[in-house]
Amino acid sequence: MIPLLSACLLLLQAVISVRSELVAVPVTVTDARGHQVSGLRQDNFRVFEDGRPQPIAAFHHGDAPVTLGLIVDRSQSMRPKNSALLAVVSSLLKSSRLDDELFAVAFNDRVSFALPAGRPFTNDAKDLEAALTAAAAEGRTALYDGVAEGLQQLQLGRAQKHALIVVSDGGDNASRRTYAEVLTLARRSDAVIYAVGVLGASPIEEEEDAGLLKRLCKDTGGAAYFPKSIAEITEMSTQVARALRDQYTLGFVPSERTDGRAFRKIDVRVTAPGQGRLHVRTRSGYVKDTP
């Protein structure tokens, strides 16, 4: 079953306490210029499950620790883009906090964790950066396998928010997993996936797939970025960090169903007079296992 939060938010303490089985819905709200919108209240939101309105049972907005995994492409296709990739990794890790739980997965033909066995997380960003910098760029690209390992590792995290950031050119030519399998794993979790596409100078390279990165993010309520300069890398890192810190989290009790369908579509709508037209980014749905 999706990590349906067993929680009821204590608003004054901004924590989630165990009370009932809730579906966690991470939500990012932006205005017409793409800037994130803060200060919205619970009554500004409406949540729908398969088209049916659901009462919001928990609401949280604001900063909180994050369990964050970097999924980093170290395949041969990244060799000519190595400097840009390492600049992205360094910039993203600088935005972490001491109370975040961090880990990293490197993938080429195989998938490996940057931290030693028995050490699932660290709060030392420099440890991860050093390990990823030392990894050689070689072999083929098992992107789906890398993301799948990251999603499973997130389940060990204890932070209120879970996220993955994929750093890759988007190609996959070596995974045992399929996109459908990775999507199912994502829909069973409350993770938001972001991606940073490190693409080549030419418009199209054989092993690049920007569309794949966009799909991975859209399905979970994240976003894909494609920086072309150091300045854009810095700006991208700022945007990702703010998206993680300034996120809304809604919770609702899943309705009883008898149709046997595991996947349930989620739709979130925002109404805020005076704010203009607002855009909502959230997960497309979740998987609820039948008993």
Protein backbone atom coordinates (compact mmCIF):
# COMPACT_ATOMS: atom_id res chain seq x y z
CA MET A 1 0.00 0.00 0.00
CA ILE A 2 1.11 3.53 -0.64
CA PRO A 3 2.68 4.98 2.47
CA LEU A 4 -0.74 6.42 3.34
CA LEU A 5 0.23 8.65 6.25
CA SER A 6 -0.99 7.33 9.61
CA ALA A 7 -1.27 10.87 10.79
CA CYS A 8 -3.21 13.88 11.93
CA LEU A 9 -1.38 17.15 11.72
CA LEU A 10 -0.85 19.08 14.95
CA LEU A 11 -1.08 22.54 13.44
CA LEU A 12 0.64 24.46 16.23
CA GLN A 13 3.63 22.13 16.30
CA ALA A 14 3.67 21.45 12.54
CA VAL A 15 4.08 17.73 13.04
CA ILE A 16 2.03 14.70 12.10
CA SER A 17 0.75 12.50 14.90
CA VAL A 18 -0.70 9.05 14.51
CA ARG A 19 -4.44 8.97 14.41
CA SER A 20 -5.91 7.50 11.24
CA GLU A 21 -4.88 6.22 7.85
CA LEU A 22 -4.52 9.23 5.57
CA VAL A 23 -3.42 9.72 1.98
CA ALA A 24 -0.65 12.32 1.90
CA VAL A 25 -0.88 14.77 -1.02
CA PRO A 26 2.16 17.04 -1.51
CA VAL A 27 1.10 20.19 -3.38
CA THR A 28 3.04 23.06 -4.97
CA VAL A 29 1.11 26.21 -5.93
CA THR A 30 2.46 28.80 -8.37
CA ASP A 31 1.11 32.04 -9.81
CA ALA A 32 0.88 33.11 -13.45
CA ARG A 33 4.60 34.01 -13.47
CA GLY A 34 5.65 30.65 -12.06
CA HIS A 35 6.44 31.98 -8.59
CA GLN A 36 5.47 29.85 -5.63
CA VAL A 37 2.52 31.03 -3.58
CA SER A 38 2.75 30.99 0.21
CA GLY A 39 0.23 31.77 2.90
CA LEU A 40 -2.73 29.76 1.63
CA ARG A 41 -5.04 28.16 4.18
CA GLN A 42 -6.73 24.79 4.30
CA ASP A 43 -10.01 26.29 3.13
CA ASN A 44 -8.33 27.46 -0.08
CA PHE A 45 -7.94 23.82 -1.17
CA ARG A 46 -10.33 21.16 -2.41
CA VAL A 47 -9.25 17.53 -2.94
CA PHE A 48 -10.95 15.05 -5.22
CA GLU A 49 -10.43 11.29 -5.43
CA ASP A 50 -11.67 9.87 -8.73
CA GLY A 51 -13.81 12.98 -9.13
CA ARG A 52 -15.39 12.78 -5.68
CA PRO A 53 -14.69 15.60 -3.17
CA GLN A 54 -12.87 14.45 -0.03
CA PRO A 55 -12.77 16.27 3.32
CA ILE A 56 -9.25 17.48 4.14
CA ALA A 57 -8.35 15.84 7.45
CA ALA A 58 -4.79 17.19 7.75
CA PHE A 59 -3.02 20.28 6.48
CA HIS A 60 0.54 21.52 6.75
CA HIS A 61 2.51 24.26 5.05
CA GLY A 62 6.05 25.34 5.63
CA ASP A 63 9.55 24.15 6.23
CA ALA A 64 10.24 20.66 7.55
CA PRO A 65 13.07 18.12 7.34
CA VAL A 66 13.30 16.16 4.09
CA THR A 67 14.43 12.64 3.30
CA LEU A 68 16.17 13.40 0.01
CA GLY A 69 17.83 11.07 -2.45
CA LEU A 70 19.99 12.08 -5.42
CA ILE A 71 19.76 9.58 -8.30
CA VAL A 72 22.84 10.31 -10.39
CA ASP A 73 23.67 9.04 -13.88
CA ARG A 74 27.28 7.83 -14.08
CA SER A 75 26.97 6.07 -17.44
CA GLN A 76 29.27 6.61 -20.41
CA SER A 77 26.80 9.01 -22.05
CA MET A 78 27.47 11.45 -19.20
CA ARG A 79 31.25 11.50 -19.69
CA PRO A 80 31.32 14.63 -21.92
CA LYS A 81 28.83 16.31 -19.56
CA ASN A 82 30.71 15.45 -16.37
CA SER A 83 31.57 19.01 -15.35
CA ALA A 84 27.96 20.12 -15.69
CA LEU A 85 26.70 17.06 -13.80
CA LEU A 86 29.07 17.64 -10.87
CA ALA A 87 28.11 21.33 -10.78
CA VAL A 88 24.44 20.30 -10.52
CA VAL A 89 25.17 17.81 -7.72
CA SER A 90 27.22 20.36 -5.77
CA SER A 91 24.58 23.07 -6.15
CA LEU A 92 21.73 20.80 -5.05
CA LEU A 93 23.56 19.50 -1.99
CA LYS A 94 24.41 23.02 -0.84
CA SER A 95 20.68 23.65 -0.41
CA SER A 96 20.30 20.80 2.13
CA ARG A 97 19.93 21.32 5.88
CA LEU A 98 21.59 19.59 8.81
CA ASP A 99 18.32 17.93 9.85
CA ASP A 100 17.70 16.45 6.38
CA GLU A 101 18.29 12.75 5.73
CA LEU A 102 20.43 12.47 2.61
CA PHE A 103 21.48 9.56 0.40
CA ALA A 104 22.63 9.10 -3.18
CA VAL A 105 22.33 6.38 -5.79
CA ALA A 106 24.72 6.18 -8.74
CA PHE A 107 23.74 4.14 -11.77
CA ASN A 108 25.23 2.93 -15.04
CA ASP A 109 24.88 -0.77 -15.93
CA ARG A 110 24.46 -1.36 -12.22
CA VAL A 111 23.08 0.56 -9.27
CA SER A 112 25.18 1.43 -6.23
CA PHE A 113 24.73 3.53 -3.11
CA ALA A 114 27.20 6.34 -2.38
CA LEU A 115 27.13 5.65 1.37
CA PRO A 116 28.68 2.53 2.92
CA ALA A 117 26.50 -0.48 3.66
CA GLY A 118 24.73 -0.14 6.97
CA ARG A 119 24.63 3.66 6.72
CA PRO A 120 21.35 4.49 4.98
CA PHE A 121 21.50 8.29 5.41
CA THR A 122 23.82 11.15 6.22
CA ASN A 123 23.42 14.84 7.02
CA ASP A 124 26.87 15.60 5.62
CA ALA A 125 26.40 16.80 2.04
CA LYS A 126 30.17 16.82 1.44
CA ASP A 127 30.32 13.05 2.01
CA LEU A 128 27.88 12.45 -0.82
CA GLU A 129 29.51 14.96 -3.13
CA ALA A 130 32.92 13.35 -2.68
CA ALA A 131 31.57 9.85 -3.34
CA LEU A 132 29.71 10.91 -6.48
CA THR A 133 32.69 12.88 -7.78
CA ALA A 134 34.92 9.80 -7.44
CA ALA A 135 32.58 7.54 -9.43
CA ALA A 136 33.72 6.93 -13.02
CA ALA A 137 31.37 7.62 -15.93
CA GLU A 138 31.17 4.32 -17.81
CA GLY A 139 28.80 1.65 -19.05
CA ARG A 140 25.20 1.81 -20.13
CA THR A 141 22.24 3.53 -18.46
CA ALA A 142 19.89 1.80 -16.00
CA LEU A 143 17.86 4.86 -15.03
CA TYR A 144 14.67 3.00 -14.07
CA ASP A 145 16.63 0.67 -11.80
CA GLY A 146 18.28 3.66 -10.11
CA VAL A 147 14.97 5.41 -9.48
CA ALA A 148 13.40 2.18 -8.19
CA GLU A 149 16.23 1.73 -5.65
CA GLY A 150 15.81 5.34 -4.58
CA LEU A 151 12.07 4.96 -4.03
CA GLN A 152 12.65 1.87 -1.89
CA GLN A 153 15.36 3.63 0.13
CA LEU A 154 13.02 6.53 0.85
CA GLN A 155 10.75 4.18 2.79
CA LEU A 156 13.44 3.97 5.48
CA GLY A 157 13.37 7.73 5.99
CA ARG A 158 11.76 9.34 9.02
CA ALA A 159 11.41 12.92 7.77
CA GLN A 160 7.99 14.39 7.06
CA LYS A 161 8.76 14.97 3.37
CA HIS A 162 10.24 12.53 0.86
CA ALA A 163 11.80 13.49 -2.46
CA LEU A 164 14.11 12.21 -5.18
CA ILE A 165 16.14 14.35 -7.57
CA VAL A 166 17.26 12.55 -10.74
CA VAL A 167 20.34 13.98 -12.46
CA SER A 168 20.65 12.44 -15.93
CA ASP A 169 20.28 12.95 -19.66
CA GLY A 170 17.14 10.83 -19.48
CA GLY A 171 18.09 7.81 -21.55
CA ASP A 172 17.65 4.20 -20.41
CA ASN A 173 19.11 1.22 -22.19
CA ALA A 174 20.03 -1.22 -19.42
CA SER A 175 17.30 -1.41 -16.77
CA ARG A 176 15.62 -4.58 -15.64
CA ARG A 177 12.71 -2.45 -14.43
CA THR A 178 10.19 -0.84 -16.76
CA TYR A 179 8.69 2.64 -16.59
CA ALA A 180 5.36 1.10 -15.56
CA GLU A 181 7.01 -0.67 -12.62
CA VAL A 182 8.75 2.52 -11.48
CA LEU A 183 5.50 4.47 -11.77
CA THR A 184 3.69 1.90 -9.63
CA LEU A 185 6.41 2.18 -6.96
CA ALA A 186 6.09 5.97 -7.04
CA ARG A 187 2.33 5.79 -6.69
CA ARG A 188 2.70 3.56 -3.63
CA SER A 189 4.89 6.19 -1.98
CA ASP A 190 4.41 9.82 -1.02
CA ALA A 191 7.62 10.84 -2.81
CA VAL A 192 7.90 13.79 -5.15
CA ILE A 193 10.37 13.30 -8.00
CA TYR A 194 12.34 16.18 -9.51
CA ALA A 195 14.77 15.88 -12.40
CA VAL A 196 17.69 17.90 -13.70
CA GLY A 197 18.37 17.13 -17.34
CA VAL A 198 22.05 17.43 -18.24
CA LEU A 199 21.84 17.44 -22.01
CA GLY A 200 24.51 17.74 -24.72
CA ALA A 201 25.24 20.69 -26.96
CA SER A 202 23.53 19.17 -29.99
CA PRO A 203 19.70 19.32 -30.15
CA ILE A 204 19.31 15.54 -30.08
CA GLU A 205 21.69 12.88 -28.87
CA GLU A 206 20.93 9.19 -29.24
CA GLU A 207 20.87 8.38 -25.53
CA GLU A 208 19.00 11.48 -24.34
CA ASP A 209 15.30 11.48 -23.51
CA ALA A 210 14.05 14.71 -21.96
CA GLY A 211 10.46 13.52 -22.28
CA LEU A 212 11.14 10.56 -20.01
CA LEU A 213 12.41 12.87 -17.27
CA LYS A 214 9.35 15.10 -17.61
CA ARG A 215 6.97 12.14 -17.30
CA LEU A 216 8.68 10.84 -14.17
CA CYS A 217 8.24 14.21 -12.49
CA LYS A 218 4.73 15.05 -13.67
CA ASP A 219 3.28 11.79 -12.36
CA THR A 220 4.49 12.57 -8.82
CA GLY A 221 3.92 16.33 -8.67
CA GLY A 222 7.53 17.31 -9.26
CA ALA A 223 9.18 19.21 -12.09
CA ALA A 224 12.01 18.75 -14.60
CA TYR A 225 14.68 21.39 -15.20
CA PHE A 226 17.15 21.69 -18.07
CA PRO A 227 19.79 24.28 -17.10
CA LYS A 228 22.21 25.43 -19.83
CA SER A 229 24.69 27.46 -17.77
CA ILE A 230 26.17 27.73 -14.28
CA ALA A 231 23.84 30.64 -13.57
CA GLU A 232 20.84 28.52 -14.58
CA ILE A 233 22.11 25.62 -12.44
CA THR A 234 22.22 27.92 -9.40
CA GLU A 235 18.74 29.25 -10.12
CA MET A 236 17.42 25.71 -10.64
CA SER A 237 18.79 24.60 -7.27
CA THR A 238 17.09 27.54 -5.60
CA GLN A 239 13.78 26.63 -7.24
CA VAL A 240 14.00 22.97 -6.20
CA ALA A 241 14.96 23.89 -2.64
CA ARG A 242 12.06 26.30 -2.34
CA ALA A 243 9.65 23.75 -3.83
CA LEU A 244 10.69 21.27 -1.14
CA ARG A 245 10.60 23.76 1.74
CA ASP A 246 7.51 25.73 0.75
CA GLN A 247 5.29 22.78 -0.04
CA TYR A 248 1.73 22.22 1.15
CA THR A 249 0.78 18.78 2.41
CA LEU A 250 -2.87 17.77 2.46
CA GLY A 251 -4.24 14.58 3.99
CA PHE A 252 -7.53 12.82 3.43
CA VAL A 253 -9.07 9.51 4.45
CA PRO A 254 -9.42 7.21 1.40
CA SER A 255 -12.98 6.29 0.57
CA GLU A 256 -14.18 2.72 0.68
CA ARG A 257 -14.31 1.16 -2.78
CA THR A 258 -15.80 -2.05 -4.11
CA ASP A 259 -14.80 -1.82 -7.78
CA GLY A 260 -11.43 -3.53 -7.19
CA ARG A 261 -9.37 -0.81 -8.88
CA ALA A 262 -6.06 -0.18 -7.15
CA PHE A 263 -5.21 3.17 -8.79
CA ARG A 264 -7.11 6.24 -7.63
CA LYS A 265 -6.83 9.57 -9.41
CA ILE A 266 -6.18 12.70 -7.35
CA ASP A 267 -7.18 16.24 -8.32
CA VAL A 268 -6.43 19.30 -6.20
CA ARG A 269 -8.06 22.69 -6.83
CA VAL A 270 -7.17 26.04 -5.28
CA THR A 271 -9.38 29.09 -4.91
CA ALA A 272 -7.80 32.24 -3.48
CA PRO A 273 -9.57 35.53 -4.25
CA GLY A 274 -7.15 38.30 -5.15
CA GLN A 275 -4.32 35.92 -6.04
CA GLY A 276 -5.09 35.70 -9.75
CA ARG A 277 -4.92 32.46 -11.66
CA LEU A 278 -3.06 29.83 -9.66
CA HIS A 279 -1.50 26.60 -10.89
CA VAL A 280 -1.37 23.40 -8.85
CA ARG A 281 1.31 20.74 -9.14
CA THR A 282 0.60 17.46 -7.37
CA ARG A 283 0.68 13.71 -7.86
CA SER A 284 -1.61 12.25 -10.52
CA GLY A 285 -2.93 9.61 -8.12
CA TYR A 286 -1.98 6.80 -5.81
CA VAL A 287 -2.20 3.05 -5.55
CA LYS A 288 -4.30 1.58 -2.77
CA ASP A 289 -3.85 -2.15 -2.37
CA THR A 290 -6.89 -4.27 -1.78
CA PRO A 291 -6.81 -6.39 1.41
